[in-house]
Amino acid sequence: MIESLTDGTLYKGYTTDFIKRVEQHNNGESAFTSTKMPWKLVFLQKFDHKKSALIAEKKLKRANQKYLRWLIDQPINLINTHKI
């Protein structure tokens, strides 16, 4: 999950290379995120299988802001555990 430093918008997505993907968003390579740059990585979770990751992504896309903000602060977020 990335957050727009312009307006606080959260963008949720699946990727196999999060560093490259954040760079793409900050280079304007995604139509949806190009108008809200710059972006900061705020939530990272690892999955053993692509299917599991896509299911989790779908749930995040339906989640409300309060839950997403709570989730960012949880130990499941690899950014918080420094296990990136």
PDB file of N, CA and C in Angstrom:
ATOM      1  N   MET A   1       0.857  -1.153   0.000  1.00  0.00           N
ATOM      2  CA  MET A   1       0.000   0.000   0.000  1.00  0.00           C
ATOM      3  C   MET A   1       0.910   1.223   0.000  1.00  0.00           C
ATOM      4  N   ILE A   2       0.565   2.174  -0.822  1.00  0.00           N
ATOM      5  CA  ILE A   2       1.317   3.426  -0.861  1.00  0.00           C
ATOM      6  C   ILE A   2       0.370   4.572  -0.525  1.00  0.00           C
ATOM      7  N   GLU A   3       0.968   5.644  -0.011  1.00  0.00           N
ATOM      8  CA  GLU A   3       0.191   6.814   0.376  1.00  0.00           C
ATOM      9  C   GLU A   3       0.689   8.032  -0.390  1.00  0.00           C
ATOM     10  N   SER A   4      -0.262   8.792  -0.906  1.00  0.00           N
ATOM     11  CA  SER A   4       0.077  10.035  -1.595  1.00  0.00           C
ATOM     12  C   SER A   4       0.506  11.064  -0.560  1.00  0.00           C
ATOM     13  N   LEU A   5       1.690  11.631  -0.738  1.00  0.00           N
ATOM     14  CA  LEU A   5       2.152  12.692   0.159  1.00  0.00           C
ATOM     15  C   LEU A   5       1.488  14.017  -0.175  1.00  0.00           C
ATOM     16  N   THR A   6       0.721  14.037  -1.260  1.00  0.00           N
ATOM     17  CA  THR A   6      -0.019  15.231  -1.659  1.00  0.00           C
ATOM     18  C   THR A   6      -1.329  15.357  -0.899  1.00  0.00           C
ATOM     19  N   ASP A   7      -2.113  14.253  -0.848  1.00  0.00           N
ATOM     20  CA  ASP A   7      -3.435  14.343  -0.223  1.00  0.00           C
ATOM     21  C   ASP A   7      -3.791  13.177   0.700  1.00  0.00           C
ATOM     22  N   GLY A   8      -2.853  12.254   0.939  1.00  0.00           N
ATOM     23  CA  GLY A   8      -3.107  11.153   1.863  1.00  0.00           C
ATOM     24  C   GLY A   8      -3.865   9.973   1.287  1.00  0.00           C
ATOM     25  N   THR A   9      -4.155  10.006  -0.010  1.00  0.00           N
ATOM     26  CA  THR A   9      -4.831   8.889  -0.650  1.00  0.00           C
ATOM     27  C   THR A   9      -4.008   7.619  -0.495  1.00  0.00           C
ATOM     28  N   LEU A  10      -4.692   6.509  -0.210  1.00  0.00           N
ATOM     29  CA  LEU A  10      -4.018   5.214  -0.123  1.00  0.00           C
ATOM     30  C   LEU A  10      -4.314   4.416  -1.389  1.00  0.00           C
ATOM     31  N   TYR A  11      -3.277   3.841  -1.965  1.00  0.00           N
ATOM     32  CA  TYR A  11      -3.410   3.009  -3.158  1.00  0.00           C
ATOM     33  C   TYR A  11      -2.970   1.598  -2.791  1.00  0.00           C
ATOM     34  N   LYS A  12      -3.802   0.629  -3.100  1.00  0.00           N
ATOM     35  CA  LYS A  12      -3.526  -0.760  -2.761  1.00  0.00           C
ATOM     36  C   LYS A  12      -3.266  -1.544  -4.030  1.00  0.00           C
ATOM     37  N   GLY A  13      -2.246  -2.404  -3.987  1.00  0.00           N
ATOM     38  CA  GLY A  13      -1.961  -3.198  -5.168  1.00  0.00           C
ATOM     39  C   GLY A  13      -1.011  -4.347  -4.881  1.00  0.00           C
ATOM     40  N   TYR A  14      -0.970  -5.262  -5.814  1.00  0.00           N
ATOM     41  CA  TYR A  14      -0.115  -6.442  -5.752  1.00  0.00           C
ATOM     42  C   TYR A  14       1.102  -6.227  -6.650  1.00  0.00           C
ATOM     43  N   THR A  15       2.255  -6.684  -6.203  1.00  0.00           N
ATOM     44  CA  THR A  15       3.451  -6.633  -7.024  1.00  0.00           C
ATOM     45  C   THR A  15       4.452  -7.682  -6.546  1.00  0.00           C
ATOM     46  N   THR A  16       5.352  -8.061  -7.420  1.00  0.00           N
ATOM     47  CA  THR A  16       6.432  -8.971  -7.025  1.00  0.00           C
ATOM     48  C   THR A  16       7.726  -8.204  -6.759  1.00  0.00           C
ATOM     49  N   ASP A  17       7.732  -6.910  -7.071  1.00  0.00           N
ATOM     50  CA  ASP A  17       8.911  -6.071  -6.865  1.00  0.00           C
ATOM     51  C   ASP A  17       8.450  -4.709  -6.351  1.00  0.00           C
ATOM     52  N   PHE A  18       8.288  -4.579  -5.043  1.00  0.00           N
ATOM     53  CA  PHE A  18       7.702  -3.367  -4.482  1.00  0.00           C
ATOM     54  C   PHE A  18       8.574  -2.137  -4.694  1.00  0.00           C
ATOM     55  N   ILE A  19       9.882  -2.281  -4.702  1.00  0.00           N
ATOM     56  CA  ILE A  19      10.760  -1.123  -4.904  1.00  0.00           C
ATOM     57  C   ILE A  19      10.552  -0.550  -6.307  1.00  0.00           C
ATOM     58  N   LYS A  20      10.574  -1.421  -7.297  1.00  0.00           N
ATOM     59  CA  LYS A  20      10.360  -0.984  -8.686  1.00  0.00           C
ATOM     60  C   LYS A  20       8.969  -0.384  -8.859  1.00  0.00           C
ATOM     61  N   ARG A  21       7.968  -0.990  -8.202  1.00  0.00           N
ATOM     62  CA  ARG A  21       6.586  -0.521  -8.373  1.00  0.00           C
ATOM     63  C   ARG A  21       6.399   0.867  -7.777  1.00  0.00           C
ATOM     64  N   VAL A  22       6.978   1.130  -6.620  1.00  0.00           N
ATOM     65  CA  VAL A  22       6.874   2.472  -6.029  1.00  0.00           C
ATOM     66  C   VAL A  22       7.563   3.485  -6.945  1.00  0.00           C
ATOM     67  N   GLU A  23       8.708   3.112  -7.496  1.00  0.00           N
ATOM     68  CA  GLU A  23       9.400   3.999  -8.441  1.00  0.00           C
ATOM     69  C   GLU A  23       8.518   4.297  -9.650  1.00  0.00           C
ATOM     70  N   GLN A  24       7.831   3.296 -10.164  1.00  0.00           N
ATOM     71  CA  GLN A  24       6.943   3.498 -11.309  1.00  0.00           C
ATOM     72  C   GLN A  24       5.833   4.485 -10.961  1.00  0.00           C
ATOM     73  N   HIS A  25       5.254   4.338  -9.777  1.00  0.00           N
ATOM     74  CA  HIS A  25       4.204   5.274  -9.360  1.00  0.00           C
ATOM     75  C   HIS A  25       4.766   6.686  -9.238  1.00  0.00           C
ATOM     76  N   ASN A  26       5.959   6.818  -8.706  1.00  0.00           N
ATOM     77  CA  ASN A  26       6.554   8.144  -8.537  1.00  0.00           C
ATOM     78  C   ASN A  26       7.109   8.731  -9.833  1.00  0.00           C
ATOM     79  N   ASN A  27       7.230   7.909 -10.867  1.00  0.00           N
ATOM     80  CA  ASN A  27       7.644   8.399 -12.187  1.00  0.00           C
ATOM     81  C   ASN A  27       6.454   8.695 -13.089  1.00  0.00           C
ATOM     82  N   GLY A  28       5.242   8.555 -12.543  1.00  0.00           N
ATOM     83  CA  GLY A  28       4.038   8.850 -13.318  1.00  0.00           C
ATOM     84  C   GLY A  28       3.657   7.778 -14.309  1.00  0.00           C
ATOM     85  N   GLU A  29       4.107   6.552 -14.098  1.00  0.00           N
ATOM     86  CA  GLU A  29       3.850   5.470 -15.047  1.00  0.00           C
ATOM     87  C   GLU A  29       2.504   4.770 -14.836  1.00  0.00           C
ATOM     88  N   SER A  30       1.735   5.218 -13.882  1.00  0.00           N
ATOM     89  CA  SER A  30       0.404   4.664 -13.638  1.00  0.00           C
ATOM     90  C   SER A  30      -0.601   5.804 -13.760  1.00  0.00           C
ATOM     91  N   ALA A  31      -1.607   5.633 -14.590  1.00  0.00           N
ATOM     92  CA  ALA A  31      -2.574   6.701 -14.844  1.00  0.00           C
ATOM     93  C   ALA A  31      -3.266   7.165 -13.557  1.00  0.00           C
ATOM     94  N   PHE A  32      -3.700   6.238 -12.726  1.00  0.00           N
ATOM     95  CA  PHE A  32      -4.436   6.602 -11.521  1.00  0.00           C
ATOM     96  C   PHE A  32      -3.577   7.377 -10.534  1.00  0.00           C
ATOM     97  N   THR A  33      -2.333   6.978 -10.376  1.00  0.00           N
ATOM     98  CA  THR A  33      -1.493   7.600  -9.349  1.00  0.00           C
ATOM     99  C   THR A  33      -0.670   8.785  -9.844  1.00  0.00           C
ATOM    100  N   SER A  34      -0.639   9.010 -11.135  1.00  0.00           N
ATOM    101  CA  SER A  34       0.229  10.058 -11.687  1.00  0.00           C
ATOM    102  C   SER A  34      -0.149  11.466 -11.245  1.00  0.00           C
ATOM    103  N   THR A  35      -1.394  11.679 -10.854  1.00  0.00           N
ATOM    104  CA  THR A  35      -1.821  13.031 -10.465  1.00  0.00           C
ATOM    105  C   THR A  35      -1.661  13.300  -8.973  1.00  0.00           C
ATOM    106  N   LYS A  36      -1.203  12.293  -8.222  1.00  0.00           N
ATOM    107  CA  LYS A  36      -1.119  12.460  -6.770  1.00  0.00           C
ATOM    108  C   LYS A  36       0.277  12.184  -6.235  1.00  0.00           C
ATOM    109  N   MET A  37       1.291  12.352  -7.068  1.00  0.00           N
ATOM    110  CA  MET A  37       2.676  12.129  -6.661  1.00  0.00           C
ATOM    111  C   MET A  37       3.124  13.232  -5.709  1.00  0.00           C
ATOM    112  N   PRO A  38       4.082  12.946  -4.863  1.00  0.00           N
ATOM    113  CA  PRO A  38       4.840  11.705  -4.719  1.00  0.00           C
ATOM    114  C   PRO A  38       4.116  10.701  -3.815  1.00  0.00           C
ATOM    115  N   TRP A  39       4.580   9.454  -3.889  1.00  0.00           N
ATOM    116  CA  TRP A  39       4.018   8.344  -3.125  1.00  0.00           C
ATOM    117  C   TRP A  39       5.061   7.770  -2.179  1.00  0.00           C
ATOM    118  N   LYS A  40       4.576   7.275  -1.038  1.00  0.00           N
ATOM    119  CA  LYS A  40       5.440   6.659  -0.032  1.00  0.00           C
ATOM    120  C   LYS A  40       4.889   5.273   0.307  1.00  0.00           C
ATOM    121  N   LEU A  41       5.754   4.282   0.375  1.00  0.00           N
ATOM    122  CA  LEU A  41       5.348   2.941   0.774  1.00  0.00           C
ATOM    123  C   LEU A  41       5.006   2.965   2.260  1.00  0.00           C
ATOM    124  N   VAL A  42       3.767   2.553   2.615  1.00  0.00           N
ATOM    125  CA  VAL A  42       3.347   2.593   4.016  1.00  0.00           C
ATOM    126  C   VAL A  42       2.933   1.227   4.558  1.00  0.00           C
ATOM    127  N   PHE A  43       2.693   0.258   3.678  1.00  0.00           N
ATOM    128  CA  PHE A  43       2.295  -1.076   4.135  1.00  0.00           C
ATOM    129  C   PHE A  43       2.830  -2.115   3.168  1.00  0.00           C
ATOM    130  N   LEU A  44       3.434  -3.146   3.746  1.00  0.00           N
ATOM    131  CA  LEU A  44       3.994  -4.220   2.935  1.00  0.00           C
ATOM    132  C   LEU A  44       3.731  -5.542   3.633  1.00  0.00           C
ATOM    133  N   GLN A  45       3.186  -6.475   2.886  1.00  0.00           N
ATOM    134  CA  GLN A  45       2.913  -7.804   3.416  1.00  0.00           C
ATOM    135  C   GLN A  45       3.372  -8.828   2.387  1.00  0.00           C
ATOM    136  N   LYS A  46       3.992  -9.902   2.855  1.00  0.00           N
ATOM    137  CA  LYS A  46       4.505 -10.937   1.961  1.00  0.00           C
ATOM    138  C   LYS A  46       3.604 -12.171   2.019  1.00  0.00           C
ATOM    139  N   PHE A  47       3.409 -12.784   0.851  1.00  0.00           N
ATOM    140  CA  PHE A  47       2.605 -13.995   0.745  1.00  0.00           C
ATOM    141  C   PHE A  47       3.409 -15.074   0.034  1.00  0.00           C
ATOM    142  N   ASP A  48       3.130 -16.319   0.375  1.00  0.00           N
ATOM    143  CA  ASP A  48       3.825 -17.440  -0.261  1.00  0.00           C
ATOM    144  C   ASP A  48       3.267 -17.763  -1.640  1.00  0.00           C
ATOM    145  N   HIS A  49       2.012 -17.366  -1.883  1.00  0.00           N
ATOM    146  CA  HIS A  49       1.368 -17.691  -3.156  1.00  0.00           C
ATOM    147  C   HIS A  49       0.670 -16.461  -3.732  1.00  0.00           C
ATOM    148  N   LYS A  50       0.739 -16.321  -5.024  1.00  0.00           N
ATOM    149  CA  LYS A  50       0.117 -15.187  -5.707  1.00  0.00           C
ATOM    150  C   LYS A  50      -1.378 -15.130  -5.415  1.00  0.00           C
ATOM    151  N   LYS A  51      -2.032 -16.269  -5.412  1.00  0.00           N
ATOM    152  CA  LYS A  51      -3.481 -16.308  -5.173  1.00  0.00           C
ATOM    153  C   LYS A  51      -3.823 -15.692  -3.818  1.00  0.00           C
ATOM    154  N   SER A  52      -3.057 -16.028  -2.794  1.00  0.00           N
ATOM    155  CA  SER A  52      -3.291 -15.462  -1.458  1.00  0.00           C
ATOM    156  C   SER A  52      -3.117 -13.947  -1.465  1.00  0.00           C
ATOM    157  N   ALA A  53      -2.111 -13.481  -2.161  1.00  0.00           N
ATOM    158  CA  ALA A  53      -1.856 -12.040  -2.251  1.00  0.00           C
ATOM    159  C   ALA A  53      -2.998 -11.317  -2.952  1.00  0.00           C
ATOM    160  N   LEU A  54      -3.508 -11.897  -4.007  1.00  0.00           N
ATOM    161  CA  LEU A  54      -4.594 -11.259  -4.754  1.00  0.00           C
ATOM    162  C   LEU A  54      -5.894 -11.238  -3.949  1.00  0.00           C
ATOM    163  N   ILE A  55      -6.122 -12.268  -3.155  1.00  0.00           N
ATOM    164  CA  ILE A  55      -7.297 -12.284  -2.276  1.00  0.00           C
ATOM    165  C   ILE A  55      -7.172 -11.176  -1.230  1.00  0.00           C
ATOM    166  N   ALA A  56      -5.991 -11.047  -0.638  1.00  0.00           N
ATOM    167  CA  ALA A  56      -5.755  -9.998   0.355  1.00  0.00           C
ATOM    168  C   ALA A  56      -5.897  -8.606  -0.268  1.00  0.00           C
ATOM    169  N   GLU A  57      -5.385  -8.435  -1.485  1.00  0.00           N
ATOM    170  CA  GLU A  57      -5.499  -7.148  -2.180  1.00  0.00           C
ATOM    171  C   GLU A  57      -6.965  -6.779  -2.370  1.00  0.00           C
ATOM    172  N   LYS A  58      -7.776  -7.732  -2.771  1.00  0.00           N
ATOM    173  CA  LYS A  58      -9.200  -7.480  -2.992  1.00  0.00           C
ATOM    174  C   LYS A  58      -9.881  -7.017  -1.698  1.00  0.00           C
ATOM    175  N   LYS A  59      -9.518  -7.644  -0.579  1.00  0.00           N
ATOM    176  CA  LYS A  59     -10.083  -7.246   0.709  1.00  0.00           C
ATOM    177  C   LYS A  59      -9.648  -5.834   1.080  1.00  0.00           C
ATOM    178  N   LEU A  60      -8.382  -5.502   0.841  1.00  0.00           N
ATOM    179  CA  LEU A  60      -7.894  -4.160   1.149  1.00  0.00           C
ATOM    180  C   LEU A  60      -8.613  -3.102   0.315  1.00  0.00           C
ATOM    181  N   LYS A  61      -8.883  -3.416  -0.923  1.00  0.00           N
ATOM    182  CA  LYS A  61      -9.547  -2.447  -1.800  1.00  0.00           C
ATOM    183  C   LYS A  61     -10.974  -2.150  -1.347  1.00  0.00           C
ATOM    184  N   ARG A  62     -11.574  -3.080  -0.574  1.00  0.00           N
ATOM    185  CA  ARG A  62     -12.930  -2.877  -0.059  1.00  0.00           C
ATOM    186  C   ARG A  62     -12.939  -2.314   1.361  1.00  0.00           C
ATOM    187  N   ALA A  63     -11.782  -2.251   1.997  1.00  0.00           N
ATOM    188  CA  ALA A  63     -11.698  -1.819   3.401  1.00  0.00           C
ATOM    189  C   ALA A  63     -11.868  -0.309   3.541  1.00  0.00           C
ATOM    190  N   ASN A  64     -12.357   0.105   4.709  1.00  0.00           N
ATOM    191  CA  ASN A  64     -12.517   1.541   4.952  1.00  0.00           C
ATOM    192  C   ASN A  64     -11.206   2.150   5.451  1.00  0.00           C
ATOM    193  N   GLN A  65     -11.151   3.463   5.401  1.00  0.00           N
ATOM    194  CA  GLN A  65      -9.930   4.198   5.760  1.00  0.00           C
ATOM    195  C   GLN A  65      -9.501   3.944   7.198  1.00  0.00           C
ATOM    196  N   LYS A  66     -10.455   3.871   8.110  1.00  0.00           N
ATOM    197  CA  LYS A  66     -10.119   3.656   9.518  1.00  0.00           C
ATOM    198  C   LYS A  66      -9.385   2.327   9.683  1.00  0.00           C
ATOM    199  N   TYR A  67      -9.890   1.287   9.053  1.00  0.00           N
ATOM    200  CA  TYR A  67      -9.242  -0.023   9.133  1.00  0.00           C
ATOM    201  C   TYR A  67      -7.864   0.021   8.489  1.00  0.00           C
ATOM    202  N   LEU A  68      -7.732   0.640   7.319  1.00  0.00           N
ATOM    203  CA  LEU A  68      -6.446   0.700   6.624  1.00  0.00           C
ATOM    204  C   LEU A  68      -5.404   1.433   7.456  1.00  0.00           C
ATOM    205  N   ARG A  69      -5.791   2.525   8.089  1.00  0.00           N
ATOM    206  CA  ARG A  69      -4.862   3.290   8.938  1.00  0.00           C
ATOM    207  C   ARG A  69      -4.443   2.448  10.149  1.00  0.00           C
ATOM    208  N   TRP A  70      -5.393   1.689  10.689  1.00  0.00           N
ATOM    209  CA  TRP A  70      -5.081   0.794  11.799  1.00  0.00           C
ATOM    210  C   TRP A  70      -4.098  -0.283  11.345  1.00  0.00           C
ATOM    211  N   LEU A  71      -4.362  -0.870  10.182  1.00  0.00           N
ATOM    212  CA  LEU A  71      -3.540  -1.955   9.653  1.00  0.00           C
ATOM    213  C   LEU A  71      -2.092  -1.514   9.432  1.00  0.00           C
ATOM    214  N   ILE A  72      -1.898  -0.296   8.992  1.00  0.00           N
ATOM    215  CA  ILE A  72      -0.554   0.232   8.747  1.00  0.00           C
ATOM    216  C   ILE A  72       0.303   0.170  10.011  1.00  0.00           C
ATOM    217  N   ASP A  73      -0.310   0.310  11.164  1.00  0.00           N
ATOM    218  CA  ASP A  73       0.428   0.314  12.432  1.00  0.00           C
ATOM    219  C   ASP A  73       0.611  -1.074  13.047  1.00  0.00           C
ATOM    220  N   GLN A  74       0.101  -2.103  12.410  1.00  0.00           N
ATOM    221  CA  GLN A  74       0.147  -3.449  12.982  1.00  0.00           C
ATOM    222  C   GLN A  74       1.455  -4.171  12.660  1.00  0.00           C
ATOM    223  N   PRO A  75       1.822  -5.164  13.501  1.00  0.00           N
ATOM    224  CA  PRO A  75       3.055  -5.934  13.289  1.00  0.00           C
ATOM    225  C   PRO A  75       3.084  -6.715  11.967  1.00  0.00           C
ATOM    226  N   ILE A  76       1.931  -6.979  11.376  1.00  0.00           N
ATOM    227  CA  ILE A  76       1.886  -7.689  10.092  1.00  0.00           C
ATOM    228  C   ILE A  76       2.537  -6.864   8.978  1.00  0.00           C
ATOM    229  N   ASN A  77       2.639  -5.563   9.188  1.00  0.00           N
ATOM    230  CA  ASN A  77       3.253  -4.657   8.219  1.00  0.00           C
ATOM    231  C   ASN A  77       4.776  -4.818   8.288  1.00  0.00           C
ATOM    232  N   LEU A  78       5.368  -5.351   7.249  1.00  0.00           N
ATOM    233  CA  LEU A  78       6.809  -5.595   7.233  1.00  0.00           C
ATOM    234  C   LEU A  78       7.637  -4.322   7.385  1.00  0.00           C
ATOM    235  N   ILE A  79       7.077  -3.205   7.040  1.00  0.00           N
ATOM    236  CA  ILE A  79       7.785  -1.931   7.217  1.00  0.00           C
ATOM    237  C   ILE A  79       8.012  -1.667   8.711  1.00  0.00           C
ATOM    238  N   ASN A  80       7.054  -2.044   9.539  1.00  0.00           N
ATOM    239  CA  ASN A  80       7.171  -1.844  10.987  1.00  0.00           C
ATOM    240  C   ASN A  80       8.172  -2.791  11.630  1.00  0.00           C
ATOM    241  N   THR A  81       8.359  -3.942  11.046  1.00  0.00           N
ATOM    242  CA  THR A  81       9.257  -4.939  11.634  1.00  0.00           C
ATOM    243  C   THR A  81      10.661  -4.868  11.052  1.00  0.00           C
ATOM    244  N   HIS A  82      10.849  -4.030  10.046  1.00  0.00           N
ATOM    245  CA  HIS A  82      12.143  -3.864   9.373  1.00  0.00           C
ATOM    246  C   HIS A  82      12.635  -5.172   8.744  1.00  0.00           C
ATOM    247  N   LYS A  83      11.693  -6.011   8.328  1.00  0.00           N
ATOM    248  CA  LYS A  83      12.054  -7.278   7.670  1.00  0.00           C
ATOM    249  C   LYS A  83      11.788  -7.184   6.174  1.00  0.00           C
ATOM    250  N   ILE A  84      12.172  -6.105   5.600  1.00  0.00           N
ATOM    251  CA  ILE A  84      11.933  -5.887   4.172  1.00  0.00           C
ATOM    252  C   ILE A  84      13.030  -6.543   3.363  1.00  0.00           C
TER     253      ILE A  84
END
